[in-house]
N, C-alpha and C. Protein backbone atom coordinates (compact mmCIF):
# COMPACT_ATOMS: atom_id res chain seq x y z
N UNK A 1 0.92 -1.19 0.05
CA UNK A 1 -0.19 0.15 0.03
C UNK A 1 0.97 1.19 0.00
N UNK A 2 1.94 1.29 0.79
CA UNK A 2 2.92 2.39 0.74
C UNK A 2 3.47 2.80 -0.57
N UNK A 3 3.79 1.75 -1.16
CA UNK A 3 4.38 1.93 -2.68
C UNK A 3 3.40 2.59 -3.50
N UNK A 4 2.12 2.15 -3.56
CA UNK A 4 1.10 2.79 -4.28
C UNK A 4 0.85 4.19 -4.00
N UNK A 5 0.84 4.53 -2.78
CA UNK A 5 0.81 5.90 -2.19
C UNK A 5 1.86 6.71 -2.69
N UNK A 6 3.05 6.32 -2.57
CA UNK A 6 4.14 6.92 -3.08
C UNK A 6 4.10 7.43 -4.59
N UNK A 7 3.42 6.14 -5.44
CA UNK A 7 3.49 6.34 -6.83
C UNK A 7 2.43 7.37 -7.10
N UNK A 8 1.58 7.52 -6.52
CA UNK A 8 0.23 8.49 -6.72
C UNK A 8 0.80 9.83 -6.38
N UNK A 9 1.66 10.06 -5.33
CA UNK A 9 2.18 11.35 -5.03
C UNK A 9 3.05 11.71 -6.19
N UNK A 10 3.81 10.79 -6.76
CA UNK A 10 4.76 11.19 -7.85
C UNK A 10 3.97 11.37 -9.05
N UNK A 11 3.03 10.82 -9.35
CA UNK A 11 2.25 11.06 -10.51
C UNK A 11 1.64 12.55 -10.54
N UNK A 12 1.06 12.92 -9.27
CA UNK A 12 0.53 14.20 -9.01
C UNK A 12 1.70 15.20 -9.08
N UNK A 13 2.96 14.96 -8.65
CA UNK A 13 3.92 15.87 -8.81
C UNK A 13 4.23 16.08 -10.24
N UNK A 14 4.21 15.08 -11.07
CA UNK A 14 4.67 15.20 -12.51
C UNK A 14 3.68 15.86 -13.24
N UNK A 15 2.29 15.64 -12.81
CA UNK A 15 1.11 16.43 -13.53
C UNK A 15 1.23 17.95 -13.15
N UNK A 16 1.59 18.17 -11.87
CA UNK A 16 1.67 19.68 -11.40
C UNK A 16 2.87 20.39 -12.21
N UNK A 17 3.87 19.61 -12.54
CA UNK A 17 4.87 20.26 -13.27
C UNK A 17 4.73 20.48 -14.74
N UNK A 18 3.66 20.06 -15.21
CA UNK A 18 3.36 20.31 -16.78
C UNK A 18 2.88 21.81 -16.88
N UNK A 19 3.60 22.53 -17.85
CA UNK A 19 3.35 24.08 -17.92
C UNK A 19 1.78 24.14 -18.38
N UNK A 20 1.05 25.20 -17.99
CA UNK A 20 -0.41 25.39 -18.23
C UNK A 20 -0.58 25.31 -19.88
N UNK A 21 0.21 25.97 -20.67
CA UNK A 21 0.12 26.02 -22.06
C UNK A 21 0.12 24.60 -22.78
N UNK A 22 0.89 23.79 -22.13
CA UNK A 22 1.13 22.52 -22.51
C UNK A 22 -0.33 21.61 -22.25
N UNK A 23 -0.80 21.93 -20.95
CA UNK A 23 -2.18 21.30 -20.64
C UNK A 23 -3.13 21.73 -21.43
N UNK A 24 -3.17 23.14 -21.76
CA UNK A 24 -4.24 23.61 -22.70
C UNK A 24 -4.08 23.09 -24.23
N UNK A 25 -2.94 22.88 -24.61
CA UNK A 25 -2.66 22.16 -25.91
C UNK A 25 -3.31 20.83 -25.93
N UNK A 26 -2.98 20.16 -24.81
CA UNK A 26 -3.56 18.71 -24.66
C UNK A 26 -5.07 18.67 -24.87
N UNK A 27 -5.65 19.62 -24.04
CA UNK A 27 -7.17 19.79 -23.91
C UNK A 27 -7.65 20.13 -25.32
N UNK A 28 -7.03 20.94 -26.14
CA UNK A 28 -7.46 21.25 -27.35
C UNK A 28 -7.52 20.02 -28.38
N UNK A 29 -6.30 19.44 -28.21
CA UNK A 29 -6.09 18.20 -29.12
C UNK A 29 -7.36 17.13 -28.67
N UNK A 30 -7.50 16.96 -27.59
CA UNK A 30 -8.54 16.02 -27.06
C UNK A 30 -9.94 16.51 -27.61
N UNK A 31 -10.28 17.78 -27.51
CA UNK A 31 -11.46 18.31 -27.79
C UNK A 31 -11.83 18.10 -29.30
N UNK A 32 -10.64 18.39 -29.99
CA UNK A 32 -10.91 18.23 -31.60
C UNK A 32 -11.02 16.80 -31.90
N UNK A 33 -10.33 15.87 -31.34
CA UNK A 33 -10.37 14.57 -31.53
C UNK A 33 -11.67 13.90 -31.19
N UNK A 34 -12.17 14.28 -30.08
CA UNK A 34 -13.63 13.87 -29.55
C UNK A 34 -14.59 14.32 -30.62
N UNK A 35 -14.63 15.75 -31.08
CA UNK A 35 -15.52 16.07 -31.95
C UNK A 35 -15.49 15.36 -33.39
N UNK A 36 -14.24 15.15 -33.84
CA UNK A 36 -14.03 14.50 -34.99
C UNK A 36 -14.58 13.11 -35.06
N UNK A 37 -14.43 12.39 -33.87
CA UNK A 37 -15.04 11.08 -33.66
C UNK A 37 -16.51 11.12 -33.73
N UNK A 38 -17.07 12.05 -33.05
CA UNK A 38 -18.49 12.25 -32.83
C UNK A 38 -19.28 12.45 -34.44
N UNK A 39 -18.50 13.40 -35.08
CA UNK A 39 -18.86 13.70 -36.60
C UNK A 39 -18.90 12.49 -37.41
N UNK A 40 -17.65 11.76 -37.22
CA UNK A 40 -17.64 10.58 -38.08
C UNK A 40 -18.78 9.56 -37.71
N UNK A 41 -19.03 9.37 -36.41
CA UNK A 41 -20.16 8.31 -36.02
C UNK A 41 -21.50 8.93 -36.65
N UNK A 42 -21.67 10.25 -36.30
CA UNK A 42 -23.11 10.67 -36.68
C UNK A 42 -23.18 10.52 -38.29
N UNK A 43 -22.27 10.64 -38.97
CA UNK A 43 -22.36 10.86 -40.34
C UNK A 43 -21.97 9.35 -41.13
N UNK A 44 -21.55 8.40 -40.30
CA UNK A 44 -21.28 7.00 -40.77
C UNK A 44 -20.03 7.07 -41.54
N UNK A 45 -19.12 7.81 -41.21
CA UNK A 45 -17.80 7.98 -42.07
C UNK A 45 -16.70 6.97 -41.25
N UNK A 46 -16.13 6.17 -42.10
CA UNK A 46 -15.03 5.32 -41.57
C UNK A 46 -13.77 6.08 -41.61
N UNK A 47 -12.71 5.53 -40.76
CA UNK A 47 -11.40 6.07 -40.74
C UNK A 47 -10.83 6.09 -42.15
N UNK A 48 -11.15 4.81 -42.96
CA UNK A 48 -10.56 4.86 -44.26
C UNK A 48 -11.23 5.85 -45.23
N UNK A 49 -12.47 6.04 -44.97
CA UNK A 49 -13.08 7.14 -45.91
C UNK A 49 -12.65 8.42 -45.52
N UNK A 50 -12.50 8.85 -44.29
CA UNK A 50 -12.04 10.14 -43.81
C UNK A 50 -10.59 10.44 -44.48
N UNK A 51 -9.68 9.30 -44.37
CA UNK A 51 -8.32 9.35 -44.96
C UNK A 51 -8.53 9.62 -46.44
N UNK A 52 -9.39 9.03 -47.28
CA UNK A 52 -9.44 9.34 -48.62
C UNK A 52 -10.05 10.84 -48.89
N UNK A 53 -10.96 11.12 -48.06
CA UNK A 53 -11.45 12.62 -48.28
C UNK A 53 -10.53 13.71 -47.83
N UNK A 54 -9.45 13.41 -47.10
CA UNK A 54 -8.39 14.39 -46.74
C UNK A 54 -6.99 14.10 -47.45
N UNK A 55 -7.04 13.17 -48.21
CA UNK A 55 -5.83 12.86 -48.86
C UNK A 55 -4.71 12.27 -47.83
N UNK A 56 -5.26 11.68 -46.86
CA UNK A 56 -4.03 11.27 -45.69
C UNK A 56 -4.32 9.64 -45.62
N UNK A 57 -3.37 9.17 -44.99
CA UNK A 57 -3.37 7.62 -44.81
C UNK A 57 -4.16 7.25 -43.61
N UNK A 58 -4.92 6.14 -43.54
CA UNK A 58 -5.59 5.74 -42.48
C UNK A 58 -4.81 5.89 -41.09
N UNK A 59 -3.50 5.58 -41.16
CA UNK A 59 -2.79 5.73 -39.97
C UNK A 59 -2.74 7.06 -39.56
N UNK A 60 -2.85 8.05 -40.26
CA UNK A 60 -2.72 9.42 -39.75
C UNK A 60 -4.21 9.78 -39.01
N UNK A 61 -5.31 9.21 -39.75
CA UNK A 61 -6.66 9.40 -39.10
C UNK A 61 -6.56 8.85 -37.60
N UNK A 62 -6.13 7.56 -37.55
CA UNK A 62 -5.86 6.90 -36.23
C UNK A 62 -5.14 7.74 -35.23
N UNK A 63 -4.10 8.46 -35.84
CA UNK A 63 -3.43 9.37 -34.80
C UNK A 63 -4.36 10.62 -34.42
N UNK A 64 -5.09 11.03 -35.41
CA UNK A 64 -6.02 12.25 -35.03
C UNK A 64 -6.82 11.74 -34.04
N UNK A 65 -7.55 10.54 -34.06
CA UNK A 65 -8.48 10.09 -33.29
C UNK A 65 -7.97 9.76 -31.94
N UNK A 66 -6.72 9.51 -31.75
CA UNK A 66 -6.15 9.20 -30.50
C UNK A 66 -6.13 10.32 -29.38
N UNK A 67 -6.35 11.41 -29.84
CA UNK A 67 -6.32 12.69 -28.91
C UNK A 67 -4.77 13.14 -28.55
N UNK A 68 -3.92 12.29 -29.02
CA UNK A 68 -2.46 12.81 -28.76
C UNK A 68 -1.82 13.44 -29.92
N UNK A 69 -2.60 13.80 -30.91
CA UNK A 69 -1.96 14.45 -32.20
C UNK A 69 -1.94 15.87 -31.97
N UNK A 70 -0.83 16.54 -32.43
CA UNK A 70 -0.75 17.93 -32.38
C UNK A 70 -1.29 18.54 -33.67
N UNK A 71 -2.55 18.78 -33.72
CA UNK A 71 -3.23 19.31 -34.86
C UNK A 71 -2.45 20.60 -35.31
N UNK A 72 -2.17 20.76 -36.59
CA UNK A 72 -1.69 22.07 -37.18
C UNK A 72 -2.95 22.85 -37.57
N UNK A 73 -2.85 24.08 -37.79
CA UNK A 73 -3.83 24.72 -38.54
C UNK A 73 -4.26 24.19 -39.96
N UNK A 74 -3.33 23.70 -40.49
CA UNK A 74 -3.54 23.24 -42.00
C UNK A 74 -4.27 21.96 -41.74
N UNK A 75 -4.08 21.14 -40.84
CA UNK A 75 -4.76 19.98 -40.62
C UNK A 75 -6.24 20.28 -40.09
N UNK A 76 -6.28 21.15 -39.34
CA UNK A 76 -7.68 21.54 -38.88
C UNK A 76 -8.60 22.06 -40.03
N UNK A 77 -8.02 22.89 -40.96
CA UNK A 77 -8.67 23.57 -42.12
C UNK A 77 -9.01 22.25 -43.03
N UNK A 78 -8.11 21.38 -43.22
CA UNK A 78 -8.35 20.19 -44.07
C UNK A 78 -9.66 19.54 -43.73
N UNK A 79 -9.67 19.18 -42.28
CA UNK A 79 -10.80 18.53 -41.79
C UNK A 79 -11.90 19.30 -41.87
N UNK A 80 -11.97 20.61 -41.57
CA UNK A 80 -13.11 21.57 -41.55
C UNK A 80 -13.71 21.51 -43.05
N UNK A 81 -12.83 21.70 -44.00
CA UNK A 81 -13.43 21.56 -45.33
C UNK A 81 -13.86 20.20 -45.85
N UNK A 82 -13.32 19.28 -45.45
CA UNK A 82 -13.64 17.80 -45.92
C UNK A 82 -15.06 17.41 -45.15
N UNK A 83 -15.18 17.93 -44.06
CA UNK A 83 -16.44 17.62 -43.15
C UNK A 83 -17.43 18.70 -43.18
N UNK A 84 -17.12 19.92 -43.75
CA UNK A 84 -17.95 21.00 -43.80
C UNK A 84 -18.45 21.28 -42.30
N UNK A 85 -17.40 21.43 -41.58
CA UNK A 85 -17.66 21.67 -39.96
C UNK A 85 -16.45 22.41 -39.53
N UNK A 86 -16.86 23.62 -38.71
CA UNK A 86 -15.73 24.37 -38.18
C UNK A 86 -15.29 23.86 -36.87
N UNK A 87 -14.13 23.37 -36.65
CA UNK A 87 -13.69 22.88 -35.48
C UNK A 87 -13.08 23.97 -34.53
N UNK A 88 -12.95 25.21 -34.94
CA UNK A 88 -12.34 26.13 -34.20
C UNK A 88 -13.15 27.42 -34.48
N UNK A 89 -13.63 28.07 -33.43
CA UNK A 89 -14.32 29.37 -33.32
C UNK A 89 -13.63 30.48 -32.76
N UNK A 90 -13.15 31.45 -33.35
CA UNK A 90 -12.56 32.69 -32.76
C UNK A 90 -13.59 33.56 -32.40
N UNK A 91 -13.56 34.03 -31.24
CA UNK A 91 -14.58 34.99 -30.71
C UNK A 91 -13.96 36.40 -30.68
């Protein structure tokens, strides 16, 4: 039990050490990935089909859906055009 408690404390310290902008980037990537997944399910679009629509390989779509992809503005724009959906709203 002590070892697990020490491990949890270490994990909390590591998380606390992540810079806020890096946390925000992770949140944005997850949000885009979650929305992309939802749109694909709503429209019945497979990963292979989205790859064809965007001129990418299916493995790239898999990375997009993992939530750990660092989306570029070019990729976001490509997805927005292919799916006719704005992933980013600037207020």
